[in-house]
């Protein structure tokens, strides 16, 4: 089964939110960085090369969004 990009993002959102909340300790900021990460993927889906899992890819984006926040 091959999920669409949107379906993958929807299914990963709870995991991403948990990850962000553990690191920023503020729910509003966690929501913001997760949304920024999802938006980054939606704006440039061609950047995902497939060398890692999609989960690893978006979690990496999220890590940098947290650092930049």
N, C-alpha and C. Protein backbone atom coordinates (compact mmCIF):
# COMPACT_ATOMS: atom_id res chain seq x y z
N UNK A 1 0.83 -1.18 0.00
CA UNK A 1 0.00 0.00 0.00
C UNK A 1 0.88 1.25 0.00
N UNK A 2 0.64 2.12 -0.94
CA UNK A 2 1.42 3.34 -1.08
C UNK A 2 0.55 4.54 -0.70
N UNK A 3 0.86 5.15 0.43
CA UNK A 3 0.07 6.28 0.91
C UNK A 3 0.48 7.56 0.20
N UNK A 4 -0.48 8.44 -0.01
CA UNK A 4 -0.16 9.74 -0.60
C UNK A 4 0.65 10.55 0.42
N UNK A 5 1.25 11.59 -0.08
CA UNK A 5 2.05 12.47 0.78
C UNK A 5 1.20 13.01 1.93
N UNK A 6 0.01 13.46 1.61
CA UNK A 6 -0.87 14.01 2.64
C UNK A 6 -1.23 12.96 3.69
N UNK A 7 -1.51 11.74 3.24
CA UNK A 7 -1.85 10.67 4.17
C UNK A 7 -0.67 10.34 5.08
N UNK A 8 0.53 10.34 4.54
CA UNK A 8 1.72 10.08 5.35
C UNK A 8 1.90 11.17 6.39
N UNK A 9 1.71 12.42 6.00
CA UNK A 9 1.86 13.52 6.94
C UNK A 9 0.82 13.46 8.04
N UNK A 10 -0.41 13.13 7.68
CA UNK A 10 -1.48 13.01 8.68
C UNK A 10 -1.15 11.89 9.67
N UNK A 11 -0.66 10.77 9.17
CA UNK A 11 -0.36 9.66 10.07
C UNK A 11 0.86 9.92 10.95
N UNK A 12 1.80 10.73 10.47
CA UNK A 12 3.01 11.03 11.25
C UNK A 12 2.84 12.20 12.21
N UNK A 13 1.82 13.00 12.02
CA UNK A 13 1.65 14.22 12.84
C UNK A 13 1.67 13.96 14.35
N UNK A 14 0.95 12.96 14.87
CA UNK A 14 1.01 12.73 16.33
C UNK A 14 2.43 12.41 16.83
N UNK A 15 3.16 11.63 16.07
CA UNK A 15 4.55 11.30 16.44
C UNK A 15 5.41 12.55 16.42
N UNK A 16 5.25 13.37 15.40
CA UNK A 16 6.02 14.61 15.29
C UNK A 16 5.70 15.57 16.43
N UNK A 17 4.44 15.64 16.78
CA UNK A 17 4.02 16.52 17.87
C UNK A 17 4.59 16.05 19.20
N UNK A 18 4.58 14.76 19.43
CA UNK A 18 5.18 14.20 20.65
C UNK A 18 6.67 14.54 20.71
N UNK A 19 7.35 14.34 19.59
CA UNK A 19 8.78 14.63 19.49
C UNK A 19 9.05 16.09 19.82
N UNK A 20 8.27 16.99 19.23
CA UNK A 20 8.46 18.43 19.43
C UNK A 20 8.16 18.82 20.88
N UNK A 21 7.09 18.28 21.44
CA UNK A 21 6.72 18.63 22.82
C UNK A 21 7.79 18.21 23.82
N UNK A 22 8.48 17.13 23.55
CA UNK A 22 9.56 16.67 24.44
C UNK A 22 10.74 17.63 24.40
N UNK A 23 10.87 18.39 23.34
CA UNK A 23 12.04 19.23 23.18
C UNK A 23 11.80 20.71 23.45
N UNK A 24 10.61 21.20 23.17
CA UNK A 24 10.38 22.63 23.36
C UNK A 24 9.60 22.96 24.63
N UNK A 25 8.94 21.99 25.22
CA UNK A 25 8.23 22.16 26.51
C UNK A 25 7.12 23.19 26.47
N UNK A 26 6.71 23.60 25.30
CA UNK A 26 5.62 24.57 25.15
C UNK A 26 4.72 24.06 24.03
N UNK A 27 3.47 23.79 24.36
CA UNK A 27 2.57 23.18 23.38
C UNK A 27 2.36 24.05 22.14
N UNK A 28 2.23 25.34 22.32
CA UNK A 28 2.02 26.23 21.18
C UNK A 28 3.23 26.23 20.25
N UNK A 29 4.41 26.28 20.84
CA UNK A 29 5.63 26.25 20.02
C UNK A 29 5.77 24.90 19.32
N UNK A 30 5.43 23.82 20.01
CA UNK A 30 5.49 22.49 19.40
C UNK A 30 4.56 22.41 18.20
N UNK A 31 3.35 22.92 18.35
CA UNK A 31 2.40 22.95 17.23
C UNK A 31 2.97 23.75 16.06
N UNK A 32 3.57 24.89 16.37
CA UNK A 32 4.12 25.75 15.33
C UNK A 32 5.24 25.07 14.54
N UNK A 33 6.19 24.45 15.24
CA UNK A 33 7.31 23.84 14.52
C UNK A 33 6.88 22.61 13.73
N UNK A 34 5.88 21.89 14.23
CA UNK A 34 5.35 20.75 13.46
C UNK A 34 4.67 21.26 12.19
N UNK A 35 3.87 22.30 12.32
CA UNK A 35 3.20 22.86 11.15
C UNK A 35 4.21 23.41 10.14
N UNK A 36 5.25 24.05 10.62
CA UNK A 36 6.30 24.57 9.72
C UNK A 36 7.00 23.42 8.99
N UNK A 37 7.22 22.32 9.68
CA UNK A 37 7.86 21.16 9.07
C UNK A 37 6.98 20.54 8.00
N UNK A 38 5.71 20.39 8.31
CA UNK A 38 4.77 19.83 7.34
C UNK A 38 4.68 20.74 6.12
N UNK A 39 4.60 22.03 6.35
CA UNK A 39 4.54 22.99 5.25
C UNK A 39 5.79 22.92 4.38
N UNK A 40 6.96 22.77 5.00
CA UNK A 40 8.21 22.67 4.23
C UNK A 40 8.18 21.47 3.29
N UNK A 41 7.64 20.36 3.77
CA UNK A 41 7.55 19.16 2.93
C UNK A 41 6.54 19.38 1.80
N UNK A 42 5.40 19.97 2.12
CA UNK A 42 4.37 20.20 1.10
C UNK A 42 4.82 21.20 0.03
N UNK A 43 5.65 22.16 0.42
CA UNK A 43 6.11 23.17 -0.53
C UNK A 43 7.19 22.64 -1.47
N UNK A 44 7.92 21.62 -1.05
CA UNK A 44 9.01 21.10 -1.89
C UNK A 44 9.12 19.58 -1.75
N UNK A 45 8.09 18.85 -2.17
CA UNK A 45 8.13 17.39 -2.02
C UNK A 45 9.25 16.72 -2.81
N UNK A 46 9.73 17.39 -3.85
CA UNK A 46 10.80 16.82 -4.67
C UNK A 46 12.13 16.71 -3.91
N UNK A 47 12.25 17.38 -2.78
CA UNK A 47 13.49 17.31 -2.00
C UNK A 47 13.68 15.97 -1.30
N UNK A 48 12.59 15.24 -1.12
CA UNK A 48 12.70 13.92 -0.49
C UNK A 48 13.26 12.96 -1.52
N UNK A 49 14.48 12.48 -1.25
CA UNK A 49 15.18 11.64 -2.22
C UNK A 49 14.90 10.15 -2.06
N UNK A 50 14.37 9.75 -0.93
CA UNK A 50 14.10 8.34 -0.70
C UNK A 50 15.26 7.57 -0.11
N UNK A 51 16.36 8.25 0.22
CA UNK A 51 17.52 7.57 0.80
C UNK A 51 17.28 7.14 2.24
N UNK A 52 16.30 7.74 2.88
CA UNK A 52 15.91 7.35 4.24
C UNK A 52 14.39 7.20 4.25
N UNK A 53 13.86 6.71 5.35
CA UNK A 53 12.40 6.61 5.44
C UNK A 53 11.81 8.01 5.45
N UNK A 54 10.55 8.12 5.07
CA UNK A 54 9.89 9.41 5.07
C UNK A 54 9.81 9.97 6.49
N UNK A 55 9.59 9.09 7.44
CA UNK A 55 9.54 9.49 8.85
C UNK A 55 10.86 10.11 9.30
N UNK A 56 11.96 9.50 8.93
CA UNK A 56 13.28 10.02 9.27
C UNK A 56 13.50 11.38 8.60
N UNK A 57 13.07 11.49 7.36
CA UNK A 57 13.23 12.74 6.61
C UNK A 57 12.50 13.90 7.29
N UNK A 58 11.22 13.72 7.59
CA UNK A 58 10.47 14.83 8.18
C UNK A 58 10.89 15.10 9.63
N UNK A 59 11.32 14.07 10.34
CA UNK A 59 11.82 14.29 11.70
C UNK A 59 13.09 15.12 11.66
N UNK A 60 13.93 14.91 10.66
CA UNK A 60 15.13 15.73 10.49
C UNK A 60 14.78 17.19 10.24
N UNK A 61 13.78 17.42 9.41
CA UNK A 61 13.32 18.79 9.17
C UNK A 61 12.82 19.40 10.47
N UNK A 62 12.06 18.63 11.22
CA UNK A 62 11.52 19.10 12.49
C UNK A 62 12.63 19.46 13.47
N UNK A 63 13.68 18.66 13.52
CA UNK A 63 14.81 18.95 14.42
C UNK A 63 15.39 20.33 14.11
N UNK A 64 15.57 20.63 12.83
CA UNK A 64 16.12 21.92 12.45
C UNK A 64 15.14 23.06 12.73
N UNK A 65 13.86 22.82 12.56
CA UNK A 65 12.86 23.85 12.89
C UNK A 65 12.89 24.15 14.39
N UNK A 66 13.08 23.12 15.20
CA UNK A 66 13.18 23.32 16.65
C UNK A 66 14.42 24.12 17.00
N UNK A 67 15.54 23.80 16.38
CA UNK A 67 16.79 24.52 16.63
C UNK A 67 16.62 25.99 16.24
N UNK A 68 15.96 26.24 15.13
CA UNK A 68 15.79 27.60 14.63
C UNK A 68 14.75 28.40 15.41
N UNK A 69 13.94 27.72 16.22
CA UNK A 69 12.86 28.44 16.93
C UNK A 69 13.37 29.17 18.15
